[in-house]
C-alpha atoms as a PDB file:
ATOM      1  CA  MET A   1    -161.273 -60.554 -72.658  1.00  0.00           C
ATOM      2  CA  ILE A   2    -163.009 -57.259 -71.914  1.00  0.00           C
ATOM      3  CA  GLU A   3    -166.650 -56.967 -72.951  1.00  0.00           C
ATOM      4  CA  ILE A   4    -168.502 -53.629 -72.988  1.00  0.00           C
ATOM      5  CA  LYS A   5    -172.290 -53.538 -72.578  1.00  0.00           C
ATOM      6  CA  GLN A   6    -174.689 -50.625 -72.493  1.00  0.00           C
ATOM      7  CA  GLU A   7    -177.502 -50.245 -69.976  1.00  0.00           C
ATOM      8  CA  ASP A   8    -179.807 -47.486 -71.218  1.00  0.00           C
ATOM      9  CA  GLY A   9    -182.713 -46.085 -69.231  1.00  0.00           C
ATOM     10  CA  GLU A  10    -185.248 -43.354 -69.840  1.00  0.00           C
ATOM     11  CA  LYS A  11    -183.097 -40.598 -68.295  1.00  0.00           C
ATOM     12  CA  ARG A  12    -179.750 -42.215 -67.469  1.00  0.00           C
ATOM     13  CA  GLY A  13    -177.504 -44.971 -68.668  1.00  0.00           C
ATOM     14  CA  ARG A  14    -174.065 -46.448 -68.465  1.00  0.00           C
ATOM     15  CA  PHE A  15    -171.484 -48.411 -70.364  1.00  0.00           C
ATOM     16  CA  VAL A  16    -170.179 -51.299 -68.286  1.00  0.00           C
ATOM     17  CA  ALA A  17    -166.907 -53.170 -68.739  1.00  0.00           C
ATOM     18  CA  TYR A  18    -166.794 -56.853 -67.814  1.00  0.00           C
ATOM     19  CA  ASN A  19    -163.728 -59.062 -67.502  1.00  0.00           C
ATOM     20  CA  ASP A  20    -164.718 -62.740 -67.530  1.00  0.00           C
ATOM     21  CA  GLY A  21    -168.236 -61.774 -66.444  1.00  0.00           C
ATOM     22  CA  VAL A  22    -167.060 -59.579 -63.548  1.00  0.00           C
ATOM     23  CA  GLU A  23    -167.853 -55.857 -63.658  1.00  0.00           C
ATOM     24  CA  VAL A  24    -164.584 -53.916 -63.727  1.00  0.00           C
ATOM     25  CA  GLY A  25    -165.615 -50.466 -64.960  1.00  0.00           C
ATOM     26  CA  GLU A  26    -168.430 -48.095 -65.758  1.00  0.00           C
ATOM     27  CA  MET A  27    -169.016 -44.841 -67.613  1.00  0.00           C
ATOM     28  CA  THR A  28    -172.270 -43.087 -66.735  1.00  0.00           C
ATOM     29  CA  TYR A  29    -174.367 -40.561 -68.602  1.00  0.00           C
ATOM     30  CA  THR A  30    -177.579 -38.580 -68.237  1.00  0.00           C
ATOM     31  CA  TYR A  31    -179.736 -37.420 -71.108  1.00  0.00           C
ATOM     32  CA  ALA A  32    -179.930 -33.648 -71.580  1.00  0.00           C
ATOM     33  CA  GLY A  33    -182.848 -33.588 -73.978  1.00  0.00           C
ATOM     34  CA  PRO A  34    -183.391 -35.915 -76.919  1.00  0.00           C
ATOM     35  CA  VAL A  35    -180.050 -35.368 -78.678  1.00  0.00           C
ATOM     36  CA  LYS A  36    -177.484 -34.707 -75.933  1.00  0.00           C
ATOM     37  CA  ALA A  37    -175.879 -36.863 -73.255  1.00  0.00           C
ATOM     38  CA  ILE A  38    -173.866 -35.618 -70.285  1.00  0.00           C
ATOM     39  CA  PHE A  39    -171.048 -38.056 -69.486  1.00  0.00           C
ATOM     40  CA  ASP A  40    -170.395 -37.454 -65.804  1.00  0.00           C
ATOM     41  CA  HIS A  41    -168.419 -40.337 -64.317  1.00  0.00           C
ATOM     42  CA  THR A  42    -165.902 -43.003 -65.286  1.00  0.00           C
ATOM     43  CA  PHE A  43    -164.638 -45.710 -62.946  1.00  0.00           C
ATOM     44  CA  VAL A  44    -162.161 -48.518 -63.616  1.00  0.00           C
ATOM     45  CA  ASP A  45    -161.288 -51.083 -60.970  1.00  0.00           C
ATOM     46  CA  ASP A  46    -157.698 -50.840 -59.729  1.00  0.00           C
ATOM     47  CA  SER A  47    -157.028 -54.382 -60.985  1.00  0.00           C
ATOM     48  CA  MET A  48    -157.679 -53.207 -64.561  1.00  0.00           C
ATOM     49  CA  ARG A  49    -155.828 -49.885 -64.574  1.00  0.00           C
ATOM     50  CA  GLY A  50    -153.513 -49.406 -67.533  1.00  0.00           C
ATOM     51  CA  GLN A  51    -155.429 -51.861 -69.728  1.00  0.00           C
ATOM     52  CA  ASN A  52    -157.405 -49.277 -71.734  1.00  0.00           C
ATOM     53  CA  VAL A  53    -160.740 -50.168 -70.120  1.00  0.00           C
ATOM     54  CA  GLY A  54    -161.811 -46.519 -70.014  1.00  0.00           C
ATOM     55  CA  ARG A  55    -160.893 -46.075 -73.659  1.00  0.00           C
ATOM     56  CA  LEU A  56    -162.848 -49.201 -74.648  1.00  0.00           C
ATOM     57  CA  MET A  57    -165.945 -47.850 -72.886  1.00  0.00           C
ATOM     58  CA  LEU A  58    -165.517 -44.427 -74.491  1.00  0.00           C
ATOM     59  CA  ASP A  59    -165.104 -45.959 -77.947  1.00  0.00           C
ATOM     60  CA  LYS A  60    -168.319 -47.959 -77.474  1.00  0.00           C
ATOM     61  CA  ALA A  61    -170.091 -44.801 -76.257  1.00  0.00           C
ATOM     62  CA  ALA A  62    -168.794 -42.844 -79.279  1.00  0.00           C
ATOM     63  CA  GLU A  63    -170.102 -45.537 -81.623  1.00  0.00           C
ATOM     64  CA  TRP A  64    -173.537 -45.342 -79.954  1.00  0.00           C
ATOM     65  CA  MET A  65    -173.602 -41.529 -80.064  1.00  0.00           C
ATOM     66  CA  ARG A  66    -172.710 -41.410 -83.767  1.00  0.00           C
ATOM     67  CA  LYS A  67    -175.279 -44.066 -84.651  1.00  0.00           C
ATOM     68  CA  ASN A  68    -178.022 -42.224 -82.746  1.00  0.00           C
ATOM     69  CA  GLU A  69    -176.883 -38.661 -83.579  1.00  0.00           C
ATOM     70  CA  ILE A  70    -176.373 -37.785 -79.919  1.00  0.00           C
ATOM     71  CA  LYS A  71    -174.001 -34.979 -78.949  1.00  0.00           C
ATOM     72  CA  LEU A  72    -171.570 -35.255 -76.047  1.00  0.00           C
ATOM     73  CA  ILE A  73    -171.357 -32.983 -73.016  1.00  0.00           C
ATOM     74  CA  PRO A  74    -168.129 -34.179 -71.307  1.00  0.00           C
ATOM     75  CA  LEU A  75    -168.333 -33.301 -67.591  1.00  0.00           C
ATOM     76  CA  CYS A  76    -166.343 -36.383 -66.528  1.00  0.00           C
ATOM     77  CA  PRO A  77    -162.633 -35.452 -66.262  1.00  0.00           C
ATOM     78  CA  TYR A  78    -161.567 -38.652 -68.034  1.00  0.00           C
ATOM     79  CA  VAL A  79    -163.941 -38.187 -70.975  1.00  0.00           C
ATOM     80  CA  LYS A  80    -163.108 -34.487 -71.255  1.00  0.00           C
ATOM     81  CA  GLY A  81    -159.389 -35.288 -71.213  1.00  0.00           C
ATOM     82  CA  GLN A  82    -159.736 -37.870 -73.966  1.00  0.00           C
ATOM     83  CA  VAL A  83    -161.715 -35.456 -76.149  1.00  0.00           C
ATOM     84  CA  ILE A  84    -159.001 -32.817 -75.703  1.00  0.00           C
ATOM     85  CA  LYS A  85    -156.144 -35.294 -76.352  1.00  0.00           C
ATOM     86  CA  HIS A  86    -157.843 -36.970 -79.313  1.00  0.00           C
ATOM     87  CA  PRO A  87    -159.990 -34.441 -81.202  1.00  0.00           C
ATOM     88  CA  ASP A  88    -159.550 -36.565 -84.321  1.00  0.00           C
ATOM     89  CA  LEU A  89    -161.350 -39.462 -82.585  1.00  0.00           C
ATOM     90  CA  TYR A  90    -163.992 -37.668 -80.533  1.00  0.00           C
ATOM     91  CA  GLY A  91    -164.199 -34.025 -81.651  1.00  0.00           C
ATOM     92  CA  ASP A  92    -167.189 -34.690 -83.919  1.00  0.00           C
ATOM     93  CA  LEU A  93    -169.226 -35.701 -80.871  1.00  0.00           C
ATOM     94  CA  LEU A  94    -169.212 -32.203 -79.371  1.00  0.00           C
END
């Protein structure tokens, strides 16, 4: 089972995907002031491709952003693509 955890620092953070305790993906962000986060990188291990790991991390990130009223700046091609494909799911984050 995939588990998503957040590691949040003062200026940067990431959402990390674990499969049976092994890190298999990450989605990184940098704060751009107190209410914006630049999502700049997404990585999923080849062994987990096609299993929606990126989407699980993005959904967890979206939940965190909504809860904390943080707006998204999607520089990562994956995140940007998902926002464009699914404005109904992520458009409110922009």
